[in-house]
Amino acid sequence: MAERRQNIIKLTTESLAWYFRRSDKQYSDTHLRLYDQAAELLTSRLEFAEFLVSKLGINPGKILEIAAGSGLVSSVLKNKLDNAIFIDLSLQALDMLKRRKEFNN
C-alpha cells in the first residue's frame, strides 16, 4: 500500500511539472476564447451555471469551483453568490477569468 501511494504521488508530481512546463502554450487568450465558444456551444455551460445557482439557493455559504478555467461558469457564480472561490492549475486561464467583464460586474 505504501509503495502504491508513493507511485501515485510521484506520478502526480511529474504530471503537474509537465503541465506547468507546457500550459502557457495551450492556454493563450486565443485558445481560451475558442474553448469558451466551443464549451458554450456544446455543453450550454451558461445555462448550467444558472441552473446550479438556482439549486444552491440564495445564500449557500462558501462555494469552491475547482478547474474554473477562463470563467465561463465562474462569472455567473460570482455575480449571483457572495462567497465563491475559484481555482485552476492554469495561471493564464485565471488571468483571463479576472479580466472577464462579466466577472467584474
N, C-alpha and C. Protein backbone atom coordinates (compact mmCIF):
# COMPACT_ATOMS: atom_id res chain seq x y z
N MET A 1 0.83 -1.19 0.00
CA MET A 1 0.00 0.00 0.00
C MET A 1 0.87 1.26 0.00
N ALA A 2 1.92 1.29 0.82
CA ALA A 2 2.80 2.46 0.87
C ALA A 2 3.50 2.68 -0.46
N GLU A 3 3.90 1.59 -1.13
CA GLU A 3 4.57 1.71 -2.42
C GLU A 3 3.61 2.29 -3.46
N ARG A 4 2.37 1.83 -3.44
CA ARG A 4 1.37 2.35 -4.39
C ARG A 4 1.14 3.84 -4.16
N ARG A 5 1.06 4.25 -2.89
CA ARG A 5 0.87 5.66 -2.56
C ARG A 5 2.04 6.50 -3.07
N GLN A 6 3.26 5.99 -2.90
CA GLN A 6 4.45 6.70 -3.40
C GLN A 6 4.41 6.82 -4.92
N ASN A 7 3.97 5.77 -5.60
CA ASN A 7 3.86 5.82 -7.06
C ASN A 7 2.83 6.86 -7.51
N ILE A 8 1.73 6.93 -6.80
CA ILE A 8 0.69 7.91 -7.13
C ILE A 8 1.22 9.32 -6.90
N ILE A 9 1.91 9.54 -5.80
CA ILE A 9 2.47 10.86 -5.51
C ILE A 9 3.51 11.23 -6.57
N LYS A 10 4.36 10.28 -6.95
CA LYS A 10 5.38 10.54 -7.98
C LYS A 10 4.71 10.87 -9.31
N LEU A 11 3.73 10.08 -9.70
CA LEU A 11 3.02 10.33 -10.96
C LEU A 11 2.34 11.69 -10.95
N THR A 12 1.70 12.03 -9.85
CA THR A 12 1.02 13.33 -9.73
C THR A 12 2.03 14.47 -9.83
N THR A 13 3.14 14.35 -9.14
CA THR A 13 4.18 15.38 -9.17
C THR A 13 4.74 15.55 -10.57
N GLU A 14 5.04 14.45 -11.23
CA GLU A 14 5.57 14.51 -12.60
C GLU A 14 4.54 15.10 -13.57
N SER A 15 3.29 14.73 -13.39
CA SER A 15 2.22 15.24 -14.26
C SER A 15 2.05 16.74 -14.10
N LEU A 16 2.05 17.21 -12.85
CA LEU A 16 1.92 18.64 -12.61
C LEU A 16 3.12 19.41 -13.17
N ALA A 17 4.31 18.87 -13.02
CA ALA A 17 5.51 19.51 -13.57
C ALA A 17 5.41 19.59 -15.10
N TRP A 18 4.98 18.51 -15.73
CA TRP A 18 4.80 18.52 -17.19
C TRP A 18 3.78 19.58 -17.59
N TYR A 19 2.67 19.61 -16.90
CA TYR A 19 1.60 20.56 -17.21
C TYR A 19 2.11 21.99 -17.13
N PHE A 20 2.79 22.34 -16.04
CA PHE A 20 3.26 23.71 -15.87
C PHE A 20 4.30 24.10 -16.92
N ARG A 21 5.10 23.16 -17.38
CA ARG A 21 6.08 23.47 -18.42
C ARG A 21 5.41 23.79 -19.74
N ARG A 22 4.23 23.25 -19.98
CA ARG A 22 3.58 23.40 -21.28
C ARG A 22 2.30 24.22 -21.27
N SER A 23 1.78 24.54 -20.13
CA SER A 23 0.45 25.17 -20.06
C SER A 23 0.41 26.55 -20.69
N ASP A 24 1.53 27.27 -20.70
CA ASP A 24 1.48 28.60 -21.29
C ASP A 24 1.24 28.54 -22.79
N LYS A 25 1.61 27.44 -23.43
CA LYS A 25 1.40 27.29 -24.86
C LYS A 25 -0.04 26.89 -25.18
N GLN A 26 -0.68 26.16 -24.30
CA GLN A 26 -2.02 25.68 -24.61
C GLN A 26 -3.11 26.60 -24.08
N TYR A 27 -2.75 27.60 -23.31
CA TYR A 27 -3.75 28.49 -22.73
C TYR A 27 -3.51 29.95 -23.08
N SER A 28 -3.28 30.22 -24.34
CA SER A 28 -3.20 31.61 -24.76
C SER A 28 -4.62 32.18 -24.75
N ASP A 29 -4.73 33.52 -24.79
CA ASP A 29 -6.06 34.14 -24.82
C ASP A 29 -6.89 33.62 -25.99
N THR A 30 -6.25 33.45 -27.14
CA THR A 30 -6.97 32.95 -28.32
C THR A 30 -7.52 31.56 -28.08
N HIS A 31 -6.70 30.67 -27.54
CA HIS A 31 -7.16 29.31 -27.26
C HIS A 31 -8.28 29.31 -26.22
N LEU A 32 -8.15 30.14 -25.21
CA LEU A 32 -9.18 30.19 -24.17
C LEU A 32 -10.51 30.72 -24.71
N ARG A 33 -10.46 31.72 -25.58
CA ARG A 33 -11.70 32.22 -26.17
C ARG A 33 -12.37 31.16 -27.03
N LEU A 34 -11.55 30.43 -27.81
CA LEU A 34 -12.10 29.34 -28.63
C LEU A 34 -12.69 28.26 -27.75
N TYR A 35 -12.02 27.94 -26.65
CA TYR A 35 -12.53 26.94 -25.71
C TYR A 35 -13.88 27.39 -25.15
N ASP A 36 -13.97 28.65 -24.74
CA ASP A 36 -15.23 29.17 -24.21
C ASP A 36 -16.36 29.03 -25.23
N GLN A 37 -16.08 29.41 -26.47
CA GLN A 37 -17.10 29.32 -27.51
C GLN A 37 -17.54 27.88 -27.73
N ALA A 38 -16.57 26.98 -27.81
CA ALA A 38 -16.90 25.56 -28.01
C ALA A 38 -17.65 24.99 -26.81
N ALA A 39 -17.20 25.33 -25.61
CA ALA A 39 -17.84 24.81 -24.40
C ALA A 39 -19.28 25.27 -24.30
N GLU A 40 -19.53 26.53 -24.62
CA GLU A 40 -20.91 27.02 -24.55
C GLU A 40 -21.78 26.39 -25.63
N LEU A 41 -21.23 26.26 -26.82
CA LEU A 41 -21.98 25.67 -27.92
C LEU A 41 -22.31 24.21 -27.65
N LEU A 42 -21.33 23.46 -27.14
CA LEU A 42 -21.51 22.01 -26.97
C LEU A 42 -22.16 21.61 -25.66
N THR A 43 -22.01 22.42 -24.62
CA THR A 43 -22.47 21.96 -23.31
C THR A 43 -23.42 22.93 -22.60
N SER A 44 -23.72 24.05 -23.17
CA SER A 44 -24.62 25.03 -22.54
C SER A 44 -24.17 25.37 -21.13
N ARG A 45 -22.92 25.73 -20.98
CA ARG A 45 -22.38 26.00 -19.64
C ARG A 45 -23.04 27.16 -18.93
N LEU A 46 -23.39 28.21 -19.66
CA LEU A 46 -24.05 29.34 -19.00
C LEU A 46 -25.42 28.92 -18.46
N GLU A 47 -26.14 28.14 -19.22
CA GLU A 47 -27.43 27.62 -18.75
C GLU A 47 -27.22 26.72 -17.53
N PHE A 48 -26.16 25.90 -17.57
CA PHE A 48 -25.84 25.06 -16.42
C PHE A 48 -25.53 25.90 -15.19
N ALA A 49 -24.77 26.97 -15.37
CA ALA A 49 -24.41 27.84 -14.25
C ALA A 49 -25.66 28.43 -13.61
N GLU A 50 -26.60 28.88 -14.43
CA GLU A 50 -27.86 29.42 -13.91
C GLU A 50 -28.64 28.33 -13.16
N PHE A 51 -28.67 27.13 -13.70
CA PHE A 51 -29.34 26.00 -13.04
C PHE A 51 -28.67 25.71 -11.70
N LEU A 52 -27.34 25.70 -11.68
CA LEU A 52 -26.59 25.43 -10.45
C LEU A 52 -26.91 26.47 -9.38
N VAL A 53 -26.92 27.73 -9.75
CA VAL A 53 -27.24 28.79 -8.80
C VAL A 53 -28.65 28.61 -8.27
N SER A 54 -29.60 28.24 -9.12
CA SER A 54 -30.98 28.05 -8.67
C SER A 54 -31.08 26.91 -7.66
N LYS A 55 -30.26 25.89 -7.81
CA LYS A 55 -30.28 24.75 -6.88
C LYS A 55 -29.56 25.07 -5.57
N LEU A 56 -28.55 25.94 -5.64
CA LEU A 56 -27.78 26.28 -4.43
C LEU A 56 -28.57 27.17 -3.48
N GLY A 57 -29.47 27.95 -4.00
CA GLY A 57 -30.26 28.85 -3.16
C GLY A 57 -29.60 30.21 -3.02
N ILE A 58 -30.21 31.07 -2.22
CA ILE A 58 -29.78 32.46 -2.12
C ILE A 58 -28.45 32.60 -1.38
N ASN A 59 -28.26 31.94 -0.27
CA ASN A 59 -27.03 32.09 0.50
C ASN A 59 -26.51 30.71 0.92
N PRO A 60 -25.87 29.98 0.00
CA PRO A 60 -25.46 28.62 0.31
C PRO A 60 -24.18 28.51 1.14
N GLY A 61 -23.56 29.62 1.48
CA GLY A 61 -22.27 29.57 2.18
C GLY A 61 -21.14 29.69 1.17
N LYS A 62 -19.99 29.14 1.50
CA LYS A 62 -18.85 29.23 0.61
C LYS A 62 -18.95 28.21 -0.52
N ILE A 63 -18.60 28.64 -1.73
CA ILE A 63 -18.62 27.79 -2.91
C ILE A 63 -17.21 27.76 -3.48
N LEU A 64 -16.70 26.58 -3.78
CA LEU A 64 -15.38 26.43 -4.39
C LEU A 64 -15.57 25.81 -5.76
N GLU A 65 -15.16 26.54 -6.80
CA GLU A 65 -15.18 25.96 -8.14
C GLU A 65 -13.77 25.51 -8.48
N ILE A 66 -13.62 24.20 -8.63
CA ILE A 66 -12.33 23.61 -8.99
C ILE A 66 -12.27 23.51 -10.51
N ALA A 67 -11.13 23.83 -11.09
CA ALA A 67 -10.94 23.85 -12.54
C ALA A 67 -11.83 24.91 -13.17
N ALA A 68 -11.75 26.11 -12.63
CA ALA A 68 -12.58 27.22 -13.08
C ALA A 68 -12.26 27.66 -14.51
N GLY A 69 -11.06 27.37 -14.96
CA GLY A 69 -10.69 27.75 -16.32
C GLY A 69 -10.78 29.24 -16.53
N SER A 70 -11.28 29.63 -17.67
CA SER A 70 -11.34 31.05 -18.01
C SER A 70 -12.60 31.73 -17.49
N GLY A 71 -13.44 31.01 -16.79
CA GLY A 71 -14.53 31.64 -16.07
C GLY A 71 -15.89 31.65 -16.71
N LEU A 72 -16.16 30.75 -17.61
CA LEU A 72 -17.48 30.73 -18.26
C LEU A 72 -18.58 30.52 -17.21
N VAL A 73 -18.42 29.55 -16.35
CA VAL A 73 -19.39 29.31 -15.27
C VAL A 73 -19.12 30.25 -14.09
N SER A 74 -17.85 30.51 -13.83
CA SER A 74 -17.45 31.33 -12.68
C SER A 74 -18.07 32.72 -12.70
N SER A 75 -18.18 33.31 -13.87
CA SER A 75 -18.73 34.66 -13.95
C SER A 75 -20.18 34.69 -13.46
N VAL A 76 -20.93 33.66 -13.77
CA VAL A 76 -22.32 33.58 -13.29
C VAL A 76 -22.33 33.36 -11.78
N LEU A 77 -21.50 32.44 -11.30
CA LEU A 77 -21.47 32.15 -9.86
C LEU A 77 -21.07 33.39 -9.06
N LYS A 78 -20.04 34.09 -9.52
CA LYS A 78 -19.54 35.26 -8.79
C LYS A 78 -20.60 36.36 -8.71
N ASN A 79 -21.34 36.57 -9.80
CA ASN A 79 -22.33 37.63 -9.81
C ASN A 79 -23.60 37.30 -9.03
N LYS A 80 -23.81 36.03 -8.72
CA LYS A 80 -25.05 35.66 -8.03
C LYS A 80 -24.83 35.13 -6.61
N LEU A 81 -23.58 34.79 -6.27
CA LEU A 81 -23.28 34.24 -4.95
C LEU A 81 -22.21 35.09 -4.27
N ASP A 82 -22.34 35.27 -2.97
CA ASP A 82 -21.41 36.13 -2.25
C ASP A 82 -20.05 35.50 -1.98
N ASN A 83 -20.01 34.22 -1.69
CA ASN A 83 -18.77 33.60 -1.21
C ASN A 83 -18.25 32.53 -2.15
N ALA A 84 -17.97 32.90 -3.38
CA ALA A 84 -17.46 31.94 -4.36
C ALA A 84 -15.94 32.12 -4.50
N ILE A 85 -15.24 31.00 -4.54
CA ILE A 85 -13.78 30.96 -4.70
C ILE A 85 -13.49 30.11 -5.92
N PHE A 86 -12.50 30.52 -6.71
CA PHE A 86 -12.21 29.85 -7.98
C PHE A 86 -10.73 29.46 -8.03
N ILE A 87 -10.48 28.21 -8.42
CA ILE A 87 -9.09 27.77 -8.58
C ILE A 87 -8.94 27.04 -9.92
N ASP A 88 -7.72 27.07 -10.43
CA ASP A 88 -7.39 26.35 -11.66
C ASP A 88 -5.87 26.19 -11.68
N LEU A 89 -5.39 25.15 -12.34
CA LEU A 89 -3.95 24.95 -12.48
C LEU A 89 -3.34 25.97 -13.43
N SER A 90 -4.10 26.46 -14.37
CA SER A 90 -3.58 27.37 -15.38
C SER A 90 -3.66 28.82 -14.90
N LEU A 91 -2.50 29.41 -14.69
CA LEU A 91 -2.47 30.83 -14.31
C LEU A 91 -2.98 31.70 -15.45
N GLN A 92 -2.75 31.28 -16.70
CA GLN A 92 -3.25 32.03 -17.85
C GLN A 92 -4.77 32.05 -17.86
N ALA A 93 -5.37 30.91 -17.56
CA ALA A 93 -6.84 30.85 -17.52
C ALA A 93 -7.39 31.73 -16.41
N LEU A 94 -6.75 31.70 -15.24
CA LEU A 94 -7.21 32.53 -14.13
C LEU A 94 -7.04 34.02 -14.43
N ASP A 95 -5.96 34.37 -15.14
CA ASP A 95 -5.78 35.77 -15.55
C ASP A 95 -6.92 36.19 -16.47
N MET A 96 -7.28 35.31 -17.40
CA MET A 96 -8.39 35.62 -18.31
C MET A 96 -9.69 35.74 -17.53
N LEU A 97 -9.88 34.85 -16.56
CA LEU A 97 -11.08 34.90 -15.71
C LEU A 97 -11.17 36.27 -15.03
N LYS A 98 -10.07 36.76 -14.48
CA LYS A 98 -10.07 38.04 -13.78
C LYS A 98 -10.36 39.21 -14.72
N ARG A 99 -10.03 39.07 -15.99
CA ARG A 99 -10.24 40.14 -16.96
C ARG A 99 -11.64 40.12 -17.57
N ARG A 100 -12.39 39.06 -17.38
CA ARG A 100 -13.73 38.98 -17.97
C ARG A 100 -14.60 40.10 -17.44
N LYS A 101 -15.25 40.84 -18.33
CA LYS A 101 -16.12 41.93 -17.89
C LYS A 101 -17.29 41.38 -17.07
N GLU A 102 -17.80 40.20 -17.43
CA GLU A 102 -18.92 39.62 -16.69
C GLU A 102 -18.50 39.27 -15.26
N PHE A 103 -17.22 38.96 -15.08
CA PHE A 103 -16.71 38.56 -13.77
C PHE A 103 -16.55 39.78 -12.86
N ASN A 104 -16.36 40.94 -13.45
CA ASN A 104 -16.06 42.14 -12.67
C ASN A 104 -17.26 43.07 -12.51
N ASN A 105 -18.46 42.57 -12.74
CA ASN A 105 -19.66 43.41 -12.55
C ASN A 105 -19.96 43.59 -11.09
